[in-house]
Amino acid sequence: MSLFHVAAAALVAVGMSSNAQAQLAPATSPSCDLASAPGVAQRLSSGGRQRTYRLFVPPGYNGRTRLPLVLDLHGSGGTSAGQAGTSGFETLAAREGIVVATLQAEDGRWNVPVRDDRADDVAYVSDVIDHVAARVCTDLARVYATGFSGGGRMASLLACRLNTRIAAIAPMAGLRWPGPCEGRPVPVLTFHGLADRQNPYAGHAAGRSAEWLESVPDALAGWARHNGCGLEVILDDPPGPLSTMRYEGCHNDADVRLIRIDGLGHSWAREDIDATVVIWEFFRSHALQR
């Protein structure tokens, strides 16, 4: 059996009960009257700036059941529409009954590392969560963040700065340890191609700023320390293009793991592993403790 199928089966088994409980929970949102919507642009004000995002509400939404929310963040220079096509989360959400908010950075670039003269994207994400929850019955214990490249770096920052609202993260080709971070342990799943030249697995990208010094294993270790995991990283490297690095004994079952893909460049993983499916199976096994 392939590593993908083993990982997916394990995640499914863990996540089934929590997913069923959330689907049956009574609605508590004051406004739960938005009909299903296939990627409709939304507008809101955040920090005195007009911002937008793309909202997908799955077919069959009944206006009563609280649904999980996935925040999907595009790469640097990208758009929310482009990221929706890249990740395919809306297609999966239609099957699984998930709300997806695909966010839009100002000028296509997230404010990470944070600069005071740019938009406060952490506040923007928090405002988007509130904006969605005012329109769709949302399970606020099951809000998750994923993203590609620069969106993965932003998802990492959210896990640090917004971990009272974000239950788990799963960056693609962009994990960072933006510490020091305070607050709860955050479950982390990340993917990275070993042939990624844009955001090298080993860090130390030639001719680039300090932001690009950190390697993926170093970022993973930072999250393992934050989550109180064991000191030793465990490498599972069976034959084939997929291998994993993971830490055990993490507090509150906030597991930290990396799936490495031989030969994958700077792109969303689809061929050797369907990253979108595996991300959702990881997310559904984690929720905030209320």
Protein backbone atom coordinates (compact mmCIF):
# COMPACT_ATOMS: atom_id res chain seq x y z
CA MET A 1 0.00 0.00 0.00
CA SER A 2 1.37 3.47 -0.91
CA LEU A 3 2.32 6.07 1.66
CA PHE A 4 -0.55 8.23 0.41
CA HIS A 5 -3.15 5.54 1.02
CA VAL A 6 -1.72 4.68 4.46
CA ALA A 7 -1.69 8.35 5.51
CA ALA A 8 -5.15 9.04 4.14
CA ALA A 9 -6.69 5.94 5.72
CA ALA A 10 -5.26 6.82 9.13
CA LEU A 11 -6.47 10.38 8.92
CA VAL A 12 -9.94 9.31 7.81
CA ALA A 13 -10.28 6.95 10.75
CA VAL A 14 -9.36 9.65 13.24
CA GLY A 15 -11.54 12.32 11.64
CA MET A 16 -14.83 10.51 11.04
CA SER A 17 -16.32 10.93 14.51
CA SER A 18 -15.46 14.63 14.94
CA ASN A 19 -16.79 15.40 11.46
CA ALA A 20 -20.09 13.64 12.16
CA GLN A 21 -20.52 15.47 15.47
CA ALA A 22 -19.93 18.86 13.86
CA GLN A 23 -22.38 18.13 11.04
CA LEU A 24 -25.13 17.33 13.54
CA ALA A 25 -24.48 20.28 15.84
CA PRO A 26 -27.25 22.89 16.11
CA ALA A 27 -26.67 26.26 14.46
CA THR A 28 -25.72 29.18 16.69
CA SER A 29 -24.92 31.89 14.13
CA PRO A 30 -27.36 34.82 14.24
CA SER A 31 -27.63 34.83 10.44
CA CYS A 32 -27.60 31.54 8.58
CA ASP A 33 -29.58 32.41 5.51
CA LEU A 34 -27.02 32.51 2.70
CA ALA A 35 -27.81 30.06 -0.07
CA SER A 36 -25.19 27.81 -1.66
CA ALA A 37 -22.85 29.94 -3.76
CA PRO A 38 -20.18 28.79 -6.25
CA GLY A 39 -17.26 31.10 -5.50
CA VAL A 40 -18.99 34.47 -5.05
CA ALA A 41 -16.89 37.59 -4.43
CA GLN A 42 -17.45 39.18 -1.03
CA ARG A 43 -16.43 42.64 0.18
CA LEU A 44 -15.63 43.85 3.66
CA SER A 45 -13.78 46.60 5.48
CA SER A 46 -10.72 45.58 7.50
CA GLY A 47 -8.41 48.03 9.22
CA GLY A 48 -9.96 50.89 7.30
CA ARG A 49 -9.21 49.20 3.96
CA GLN A 50 -11.64 47.71 1.49
CA ARG A 51 -10.83 44.02 1.07
CA THR A 52 -12.34 41.14 -0.85
CA TYR A 53 -12.42 37.34 -0.73
CA ARG A 54 -14.07 34.51 -2.62
CA LEU A 55 -16.74 32.54 -0.74
CA PHE A 56 -17.88 29.03 -1.68
CA VAL A 57 -20.92 27.56 0.06
CA PRO A 58 -21.53 23.90 -0.86
CA PRO A 59 -24.64 22.68 -2.69
CA GLY A 60 -27.24 21.28 -0.33
CA TYR A 61 -26.40 23.74 2.44
CA ASN A 62 -29.53 23.74 4.61
CA GLY A 63 -29.02 26.99 6.52
CA ARG A 64 -29.05 25.18 9.88
CA THR A 65 -26.04 22.86 10.14
CA ARG A 66 -22.75 24.38 11.25
CA LEU A 67 -20.10 23.70 8.62
CA PRO A 68 -16.29 23.72 8.88
CA LEU A 69 -14.45 26.59 7.17
CA VAL A 70 -11.24 26.29 5.16
CA LEU A 71 -9.26 29.46 4.49
CA ASP A 72 -7.30 29.08 1.24
CA LEU A 73 -4.45 31.54 0.54
CA HIS A 74 -2.85 32.15 -2.84
CA GLY A 75 0.86 32.39 -3.57
CA SER A 76 2.77 35.65 -4.02
CA GLY A 77 1.50 37.54 -7.04
CA GLY A 78 -1.60 35.35 -7.22
CA THR A 79 -5.34 35.82 -6.93
CA SER A 80 -8.17 34.19 -5.06
CA ALA A 81 -9.65 32.89 -8.32
CA GLY A 82 -6.31 31.43 -9.35
CA GLN A 83 -5.84 29.73 -6.00
CA ALA A 84 -9.32 28.21 -6.16
CA GLY A 85 -8.27 26.55 -9.39
CA THR A 86 -4.84 25.57 -8.05
CA SER A 87 -5.95 23.85 -4.85
CA GLY A 88 -9.30 22.50 -6.03
CA PHE A 89 -10.69 22.95 -2.54
CA GLU A 90 -14.06 24.13 -3.84
CA THR A 91 -14.51 20.88 -5.77
CA LEU A 92 -13.70 18.86 -2.66
CA ALA A 93 -15.92 21.13 -0.54
CA ALA A 94 -18.90 20.43 -2.78
CA ARG A 95 -18.55 16.72 -1.96
CA GLU A 96 -17.66 17.06 1.72
CA GLY A 97 -19.93 19.90 2.82
CA ILE A 98 -17.29 22.52 3.60
CA VAL A 99 -17.32 26.30 3.36
CA VAL A 100 -14.23 27.69 1.61
CA ALA A 101 -13.04 31.30 1.80
CA THR A 102 -10.26 31.95 -0.71
CA LEU A 103 -8.60 35.15 0.41
CA GLN A 104 -7.05 37.99 -1.58
CA ALA A 105 -3.87 39.83 -0.59
CA GLU A 106 -3.42 43.50 -1.44
CA ASP A 107 -1.39 43.72 -4.64
CA GLY A 108 -1.21 39.92 -4.56
CA ARG A 109 1.33 39.76 -1.72
CA TRP A 110 0.72 38.86 1.90
CA ASN A 111 2.19 41.02 4.65
CA VAL A 112 4.68 38.42 5.83
CA PRO A 113 7.26 39.08 7.19
CA VAL A 114 5.13 41.78 8.79
CA ARG A 115 5.74 45.41 7.88
CA ASP A 116 3.86 48.21 9.64
CA ASP A 117 3.31 50.19 6.44
CA ARG A 118 1.29 47.40 4.83
CA ALA A 119 -2.17 45.94 5.45
CA ASP A 120 -2.68 43.95 8.66
CA ASP A 121 -3.41 40.59 7.07
CA VAL A 122 -3.81 38.78 10.38
CA ALA A 123 -6.64 41.15 11.28
CA TYR A 124 -8.05 40.74 7.76
CA VAL A 125 -8.19 36.94 8.16
CA SER A 126 -9.92 37.30 11.53
CA ASP A 127 -12.41 39.72 9.96
CA VAL A 128 -13.08 37.27 7.12
CA ILE A 129 -13.88 34.54 9.65
CA ASP A 130 -16.41 36.87 11.30
CA HIS A 131 -17.80 37.94 7.92
CA VAL A 132 -18.36 34.32 6.86
CA ALA A 133 -19.86 33.34 10.22
CA ALA A 134 -22.39 36.18 9.97
CA ARG A 135 -23.65 34.74 6.68
CA VAL A 136 -23.19 30.98 6.90
CA CYS A 137 -23.68 28.67 9.89
CA THR A 138 -20.02 28.11 10.69
CA ASP A 139 -18.42 25.73 13.17
CA LEU A 140 -15.93 28.15 14.72
CA ALA A 141 -14.09 25.28 16.39
CA ARG A 142 -13.23 23.94 12.93
CA VAL A 143 -11.61 26.80 11.03
CA TYR A 144 -8.47 25.82 9.10
CA ALA A 145 -5.84 27.54 6.96
CA THR A 146 -3.96 26.27 3.94
CA GLY A 147 -2.04 28.08 1.25
CA PHE A 148 0.55 27.83 -1.47
CA SER A 149 4.04 29.39 -1.33
CA GLY A 150 3.52 32.92 0.05
CA GLY A 151 0.09 31.76 1.17
CA GLY A 152 1.81 28.95 3.07
CA ARG A 153 4.02 31.49 4.82
CA MET A 154 0.91 33.48 5.70
CA ALA A 155 -0.82 30.34 7.02
CA SER A 156 2.24 29.78 9.23
CA LEU A 157 1.90 33.31 10.61
CA LEU A 158 -1.80 32.74 11.30
CA ALA A 159 -0.97 29.65 13.36
CA CYS A 160 1.33 31.84 15.44
CA ARG A 161 -0.78 34.99 15.77
CA LEU A 162 -4.34 33.67 15.44
CA ASN A 163 -4.18 30.26 17.06
CA THR A 164 -7.26 30.90 19.21
CA ARG A 165 -9.28 30.86 15.97
CA ILE A 166 -7.32 28.57 13.61
CA ALA A 167 -7.62 24.89 14.54
CA ALA A 168 -4.85 23.56 12.23
CA ILE A 169 -2.76 24.58 9.22
CA ALA A 170 -1.47 22.78 6.12
CA PRO A 171 0.90 24.93 4.03
CA MET A 172 2.07 23.81 0.60
CA ALA A 173 5.63 24.82 -0.38
CA GLY A 174 5.80 27.57 2.22
CA LEU A 175 6.03 26.40 5.84
CA ARG A 176 7.75 28.86 8.19
CA TRP A 177 8.39 29.05 11.90
CA PRO A 178 7.48 32.72 12.57
CA GLY A 179 8.31 32.52 16.28
CA PRO A 180 8.43 33.34 19.02
CA CYS A 181 4.81 32.26 19.21
CA GLU A 182 2.55 32.05 22.23
CA GLY A 183 -0.66 30.16 22.84
CA ARG A 184 -1.94 26.71 22.11
CA PRO A 185 -0.17 23.95 20.18
CA VAL A 186 -1.27 24.01 16.54
CA PRO A 187 -1.45 20.83 14.42
CA VAL A 188 0.73 21.24 11.32
CA LEU A 189 0.82 19.25 8.09
CA THR A 190 3.02 20.53 5.29
CA PHE A 191 4.10 19.40 1.83
CA HIS A 192 7.27 20.29 -0.03
CA GLY A 193 8.87 19.22 -3.27
CA LEU A 194 12.54 18.34 -3.10
CA ALA A 195 13.01 19.88 -6.56
CA ASP A 196 11.51 23.23 -5.53
CA ARG A 197 13.93 25.94 -6.65
CA GLN A 198 11.65 28.88 -5.86
CA ASN A 199 11.39 28.00 -2.17
CA PRO A 200 14.23 25.51 -1.64
CA TYR A 201 13.70 22.66 0.80
CA ALA A 202 17.14 23.30 2.29
CA GLY A 203 16.63 27.08 2.58
CA HIS A 204 19.50 29.49 1.97
CA ALA A 205 18.16 30.64 -1.40
CA ALA A 206 21.03 32.39 -3.15
CA GLY A 207 20.82 36.16 -3.41
CA ARG A 208 17.64 36.47 -1.36
CA SER A 209 16.79 38.05 1.98
CA ALA A 210 16.90 36.53 5.47
CA GLU A 211 13.31 35.34 5.01
CA TRP A 212 14.68 32.63 2.73
CA LEU A 213 17.40 31.26 5.03
CA GLU A 214 15.17 28.87 6.99
CA SER A 215 14.97 25.30 5.71
CA VAL A 216 11.77 23.28 5.78
CA PRO A 217 13.13 20.82 8.40
CA ASP A 218 14.12 23.78 10.60
CA ALA A 219 10.63 25.27 10.31
CA LEU A 220 9.13 21.87 11.14
CA ALA A 221 11.37 21.60 14.21
CA GLY A 222 10.24 25.05 15.36
CA TRP A 223 6.62 23.95 15.33
CA ALA A 224 7.54 20.70 17.07
CA ARG A 225 9.14 22.67 19.91
CA HIS A 226 6.12 24.95 20.17
CA ASN A 227 3.79 21.94 20.28
CA GLY A 228 5.82 20.20 22.97
CA CYS A 229 6.65 17.21 20.76
CA GLY A 230 9.47 14.76 21.34
CA LEU A 231 12.94 15.93 20.40
CA GLU A 232 13.64 13.35 17.71
CA VAL A 233 12.23 13.63 14.22
CA ILE A 234 11.06 10.33 12.69
CA LEU A 235 11.75 9.76 9.01
CA ASP A 236 9.63 7.27 7.05
CA ASP A 237 11.18 6.78 3.61
CA PRO A 238 9.67 3.82 1.76
CA PRO A 239 10.45 3.16 -1.91
CA GLY A 240 8.84 5.70 -4.20
CA PRO A 241 8.61 9.48 -4.42
CA LEU A 242 6.94 10.10 -1.04
CA SER A 243 8.51 10.25 2.39
CA THR A 244 7.44 11.76 5.70
CA MET A 245 9.11 13.50 8.62
CA ARG A 246 7.07 13.62 11.80
CA TYR A 247 7.28 14.26 15.52
CA GLU A 248 5.52 12.22 18.19
CA GLY A 249 4.27 12.95 21.71
CA CYS A 250 2.99 16.42 20.87
CA HIS A 251 0.76 18.17 23.41
CA ASN A 252 -2.98 17.90 22.81
CA ASP A 253 -2.35 15.60 19.82
CA ALA A 254 -1.08 18.62 17.86
CA ASP A 255 0.91 16.49 15.44
CA VAL A 256 3.62 18.00 13.25
CA ARG A 257 4.44 16.27 9.96
CA LEU A 258 5.94 16.91 6.56
CA ILE A 259 5.30 15.02 3.34
CA ARG A 260 8.24 15.33 0.96
CA ILE A 261 7.80 14.67 -2.74
CA ASP A 262 10.81 13.70 -4.88
CA GLY A 263 10.90 15.52 -8.20
CA LEU A 264 8.16 18.02 -7.36
CA GLY A 265 9.02 21.63 -8.14
CA HIS A 266 7.22 24.73 -6.96
CA SER A 267 3.66 23.57 -7.51
CA TRP A 268 0.62 22.10 -5.77
CA ALA A 269 1.04 18.34 -5.31
CA ARG A 270 -1.43 16.32 -7.38
CA GLU A 271 0.24 13.45 -9.22
CA ASP A 272 2.11 11.43 -6.59
CA ILE A 273 -0.31 12.50 -3.86
CA ASP A 274 -3.58 14.41 -3.92
CA ALA A 275 -2.58 17.03 -1.39
CA THR A 276 -6.04 18.58 -1.22
CA VAL A 277 -7.66 15.31 -0.14
CA VAL A 278 -4.95 14.58 2.43
CA ILE A 279 -5.13 18.14 3.81
CA TRP A 280 -8.86 17.80 4.40
CA GLU A 281 -8.48 14.42 6.09
CA PHE A 282 -5.88 16.03 8.38
CA PHE A 283 -8.08 19.03 9.11
CA ARG A 284 -11.16 16.98 9.91
CA SER A 285 -9.27 15.17 12.67
CA HIS A 286 -8.58 18.41 14.58
CA ALA A 287 -10.78 21.00 16.27
CA LEU A 288 -10.37 23.75 18.84
CA GLN A 289 -11.24 22.73 22.38
CA ARG A 290 -14.06 24.96 23.61
